[in-house]
Structure formats: structure tokens, C-alpha cells
Amino acid sequence: MTKSLYAGHRFPAELISYTVWLYFHFPLSLRMVEEMLAFRGIEVS
């Protein structure tokens, strides 16, 4: 079994991967990504 790249982080690996995907695939600022996640009920800091 391999260790997750995100082991020990506050958020699940799926959420981190989704956020990184949004940031790199679309011309969005980190603030815009944060607002999109907040709209879906995910609060990040």
C-alpha cells in the first residue's frame, strides 16, 4: 500500500486534488477557487 501524497494534511486528498485542478486548468485566482468551494459548502482557509 502506498502512502498518500497528502497524508497529514487537514483536508481529504480528493478535495486538494480538485482545488489544484481548478487552479491550473482555469484562469482563476486562489480567491475565486476558494469562493467556488465555499458555494459548494466547503470552507477552506
PDB file of N, CA and C in Angstrom:
ATOM      1  N   MET A   1       0.850  -1.182   0.000  1.00  0.00           N
ATOM      2  CA  MET A   1       0.000   0.000   0.000  1.00  0.00           C
ATOM      3  C   MET A   1       0.893   1.241   0.000  1.00  0.00           C
ATOM      4  N   THR A   2       0.585   2.189  -0.890  1.00  0.00           N
ATOM      5  CA  THR A   2       1.396   3.401  -0.964  1.00  0.00           C
ATOM      6  C   THR A   2       0.808   4.480  -0.076  1.00  0.00           C
ATOM      7  N   LYS A   3       1.670   5.337   0.407  1.00  0.00           N
ATOM      8  CA  LYS A   3       1.245   6.443   1.264  1.00  0.00           C
ATOM      9  C   LYS A   3       0.729   7.584   0.387  1.00  0.00           C
ATOM     10  N   SER A   4      -0.346   8.227   0.808  1.00  0.00           N
ATOM     11  CA  SER A   4      -0.933   9.327   0.069  1.00  0.00           C
ATOM     12  C   SER A   4       0.020  10.520   0.032  1.00  0.00           C
ATOM     13  N   LEU A   5       0.002  11.235  -1.090  1.00  0.00           N
ATOM     14  CA  LEU A   5       0.808  12.452  -1.196  1.00  0.00           C
ATOM     15  C   LEU A   5       0.364  13.509  -0.190  1.00  0.00           C
ATOM     16  N   TYR A   6      -0.866  13.409   0.245  1.00  0.00           N
ATOM     17  CA  TYR A   6      -1.432  14.424   1.124  1.00  0.00           C
ATOM     18  C   TYR A   6      -1.607  13.935   2.552  1.00  0.00           C
ATOM     19  N   ALA A   7      -0.912  12.892   2.942  1.00  0.00           N
ATOM     20  CA  ALA A   7      -1.025  12.363   4.310  1.00  0.00           C
ATOM     21  C   ALA A   7      -0.635  13.448   5.315  1.00  0.00           C
ATOM     22  N   GLY A   8      -1.445  13.591   6.336  1.00  0.00           N
ATOM     23  CA  GLY A   8      -1.168  14.581   7.374  1.00  0.00           C
ATOM     24  C   GLY A   8      -1.738  15.959   7.105  1.00  0.00           C
ATOM     25  N   HIS A   9      -2.377  16.144   5.941  1.00  0.00           N
ATOM     26  CA  HIS A   9      -2.986  17.443   5.651  1.00  0.00           C
ATOM     27  C   HIS A   9      -4.382  17.513   6.254  1.00  0.00           C
ATOM     28  N   ARG A  10      -4.859  18.724   6.389  1.00  0.00           N
ATOM     29  CA  ARG A  10      -6.138  18.986   7.043  1.00  0.00           C
ATOM     30  C   ARG A  10      -7.342  18.541   6.214  1.00  0.00           C
ATOM     31  N   PHE A  11      -7.226  18.581   4.883  1.00  0.00           N
ATOM     32  CA  PHE A  11      -8.345  18.274   4.004  1.00  0.00           C
ATOM     33  C   PHE A  11      -8.108  16.954   3.288  1.00  0.00           C
ATOM     34  N   PRO A  12      -9.189  16.282   2.867  1.00  0.00           N
ATOM     35  CA  PRO A  12      -9.043  14.999   2.149  1.00  0.00           C
ATOM     36  C   PRO A  12      -8.300  15.186   0.824  1.00  0.00           C
ATOM     37  N   ALA A  13      -7.634  14.139   0.387  1.00  0.00           N
ATOM     38  CA  ALA A  13      -6.851  14.179  -0.855  1.00  0.00           C
ATOM     39  C   ALA A  13      -7.723  14.554  -2.053  1.00  0.00           C
ATOM     40  N   GLU A  14      -8.962  14.083  -2.095  1.00  0.00           N
ATOM     41  CA  GLU A  14      -9.855  14.389  -3.221  1.00  0.00           C
ATOM     42  C   GLU A  14     -10.107  15.891  -3.326  1.00  0.00           C
ATOM     43  N   LEU A  15     -10.293  16.551  -2.194  1.00  0.00           N
ATOM     44  CA  LEU A  15     -10.553  17.989  -2.191  1.00  0.00           C
ATOM     45  C   LEU A  15      -9.311  18.762  -2.613  1.00  0.00           C
ATOM     46  N   ILE A  16      -8.158  18.361  -2.128  1.00  0.00           N
ATOM     47  CA  ILE A  16      -6.917  19.028  -2.509  1.00  0.00           C
ATOM     48  C   ILE A  16      -6.679  18.871  -4.006  1.00  0.00           C
ATOM     49  N   SER A  17      -6.872  17.674  -4.525  1.00  0.00           N
ATOM     50  CA  SER A  17      -6.677  17.425  -5.954  1.00  0.00           C
ATOM     51  C   SER A  17      -7.640  18.254  -6.796  1.00  0.00           C
ATOM     52  N   TYR A  18      -8.888  18.331  -6.388  1.00  0.00           N
ATOM     53  CA  TYR A  18      -9.890  19.107  -7.121  1.00  0.00           C
ATOM     54  C   TYR A  18      -9.523  20.589  -7.138  1.00  0.00           C
ATOM     55  N   THR A  19      -9.077  21.107  -6.004  1.00  0.00           N
ATOM     56  CA  THR A  19      -8.699  22.513  -5.911  1.00  0.00           C
ATOM     57  C   THR A  19      -7.505  22.823  -6.810  1.00  0.00           C
ATOM     58  N   VAL A  20      -6.510  21.972  -6.793  1.00  0.00           N
ATOM     59  CA  VAL A  20      -5.338  22.159  -7.647  1.00  0.00           C
ATOM     60  C   VAL A  20      -5.737  22.078  -9.108  1.00  0.00           C
ATOM     61  N   TRP A  21      -6.617  21.146  -9.450  1.00  0.00           N
ATOM     62  CA  TRP A  21      -7.103  21.017 -10.825  1.00  0.00           C
ATOM     63  C   TRP A  21      -7.803  22.300 -11.280  1.00  0.00           C
ATOM     64  N   LEU A  22      -8.690  22.842 -10.454  1.00  0.00           N
ATOM     65  CA  LEU A  22      -9.376  24.086 -10.801  1.00  0.00           C
ATOM     66  C   LEU A  22      -8.384  25.216 -11.035  1.00  0.00           C
ATOM     67  N   TYR A  23      -7.420  25.333 -10.139  1.00  0.00           N
ATOM     68  CA  TYR A  23      -6.460  26.431 -10.198  1.00  0.00           C
ATOM     69  C   TYR A  23      -5.612  26.375 -11.468  1.00  0.00           C
ATOM     70  N   PHE A  24      -5.167  25.187 -11.874  1.00  0.00           N
ATOM     71  CA  PHE A  24      -4.272  25.075 -13.018  1.00  0.00           C
ATOM     72  C   PHE A  24      -4.979  24.953 -14.361  1.00  0.00           C
ATOM     73  N   HIS A  25      -6.233  24.533 -14.378  1.00  0.00           N
ATOM     74  CA  HIS A  25      -6.922  24.351 -15.653  1.00  0.00           C
ATOM     75  C   HIS A  25      -7.753  25.558 -16.082  1.00  0.00           C
ATOM     76  N   PHE A  26      -8.010  26.458 -15.182  1.00  0.00           N
ATOM     77  CA  PHE A  26      -8.812  27.635 -15.495  1.00  0.00           C
ATOM     78  C   PHE A  26      -8.084  28.881 -15.014  1.00  0.00           C
ATOM     79  N   PRO A  27      -8.302  30.008 -15.674  1.00  0.00           N
ATOM     80  CA  PRO A  27      -7.628  31.246 -15.264  1.00  0.00           C
ATOM     81  C   PRO A  27      -8.286  31.849 -14.018  1.00  0.00           C
ATOM     82  N   LEU A  28      -8.139  31.168 -12.903  1.00  0.00           N
ATOM     83  CA  LEU A  28      -8.770  31.585 -11.660  1.00  0.00           C
ATOM     84  C   LEU A  28      -7.710  31.972 -10.628  1.00  0.00           C
ATOM     85  N   SER A  29      -8.061  32.929  -9.801  1.00  0.00           N
ATOM     86  CA  SER A  29      -7.200  33.253  -8.670  1.00  0.00           C
ATOM     87  C   SER A  29      -7.523  32.286  -7.539  1.00  0.00           C
ATOM     88  N   LEU A  30      -6.650  32.218  -6.570  1.00  0.00           N
ATOM     89  CA  LEU A  30      -6.918  31.362  -5.416  1.00  0.00           C
ATOM     90  C   LEU A  30      -8.178  31.810  -4.691  1.00  0.00           C
ATOM     91  N   ARG A  31      -8.425  33.093  -4.665  1.00  0.00           N
ATOM     92  CA  ARG A  31      -9.634  33.622  -4.033  1.00  0.00           C
ATOM     93  C   ARG A  31     -10.888  33.123  -4.748  1.00  0.00           C
ATOM     94  N   MET A  32     -10.850  33.110  -6.072  1.00  0.00           N
ATOM     95  CA  MET A  32     -12.010  32.632  -6.838  1.00  0.00           C
ATOM     96  C   MET A  32     -12.249  31.147  -6.593  1.00  0.00           C
ATOM     97  N   VAL A  33     -11.169  30.366  -6.518  1.00  0.00           N
ATOM     98  CA  VAL A  33     -11.308  28.940  -6.224  1.00  0.00           C
ATOM     99  C   VAL A  33     -11.915  28.764  -4.832  1.00  0.00           C
ATOM    100  N   GLU A  34     -11.442  29.549  -3.873  1.00  0.00           N
ATOM    101  CA  GLU A  34     -11.982  29.484  -2.503  1.00  0.00           C
ATOM    102  C   GLU A  34     -13.471  29.798  -2.496  1.00  0.00           C
ATOM    103  N   GLU A  35     -13.896  30.809  -3.261  1.00  0.00           N
ATOM    104  CA  GLU A  35     -15.312  31.167  -3.332  1.00  0.00           C
ATOM    105  C   GLU A  35     -16.140  30.067  -3.984  1.00  0.00           C
ATOM    106  N   MET A  36     -15.595  29.412  -5.011  1.00  0.00           N
ATOM    107  CA  MET A  36     -16.312  28.313  -5.664  1.00  0.00           C
ATOM    108  C   MET A  36     -16.516  27.152  -4.694  1.00  0.00           C
ATOM    109  N   LEU A  37     -15.495  26.838  -3.915  1.00  0.00           N
ATOM    110  CA  LEU A  37     -15.615  25.769  -2.930  1.00  0.00           C
ATOM    111  C   LEU A  37     -16.602  26.162  -1.834  1.00  0.00           C
ATOM    112  N   ALA A  38     -16.573  27.424  -1.397  1.00  0.00           N
ATOM    113  CA  ALA A  38     -17.493  27.896  -0.365  1.00  0.00           C
ATOM    114  C   ALA A  38     -18.938  27.779  -0.847  1.00  0.00           C
ATOM    115  N   PHE A  39     -19.162  28.052  -2.129  1.00  0.00           N
ATOM    116  CA  PHE A  39     -20.511  27.934  -2.694  1.00  0.00           C
ATOM    117  C   PHE A  39     -21.020  26.498  -2.585  1.00  0.00           C
ATOM    118  N   ARG A  40     -20.106  25.538  -2.645  1.00  0.00           N
ATOM    119  CA  ARG A  40     -20.457  24.115  -2.511  1.00  0.00           C
ATOM    120  C   ARG A  40     -20.460  23.643  -1.067  1.00  0.00           C
ATOM    121  N   GLY A  41     -20.245  24.570  -0.124  1.00  0.00           N
ATOM    122  CA  GLY A  41     -20.304  24.230   1.289  1.00  0.00           C
ATOM    123  C   GLY A  41     -18.982  23.768   1.875  1.00  0.00           C
ATOM    124  N   ILE A  42     -17.879  24.014   1.173  1.00  0.00           N
ATOM    125  CA  ILE A  42     -16.555  23.613   1.657  1.00  0.00           C
ATOM    126  C   ILE A  42     -15.811  24.862   2.078  1.00  0.00           C
ATOM    127  N   GLU A  43     -15.537  24.994   3.354  1.00  0.00           N
ATOM    128  CA  GLU A  43     -14.857  26.169   3.872  1.00  0.00           C
ATOM    129  C   GLU A  43     -13.376  25.868   4.028  1.00  0.00           C
ATOM    130  N   VAL A  44     -12.555  26.629   3.317  1.00  0.00           N
ATOM    131  CA  VAL A  44     -11.103  26.461   3.396  1.00  0.00           C
ATOM    132  C   VAL A  44     -10.485  27.753   3.904  1.00  0.00           C
ATOM    133  N   SER A  45      -9.300  27.625   4.437  1.00  0.00           N
ATOM    134  CA  SER A  45      -8.589  28.818   4.918  1.00  0.00           C
ATOM    135  C   SER A  45      -7.182  28.816   4.389  1.00  0.00           C
TER     136      SER A  45
END
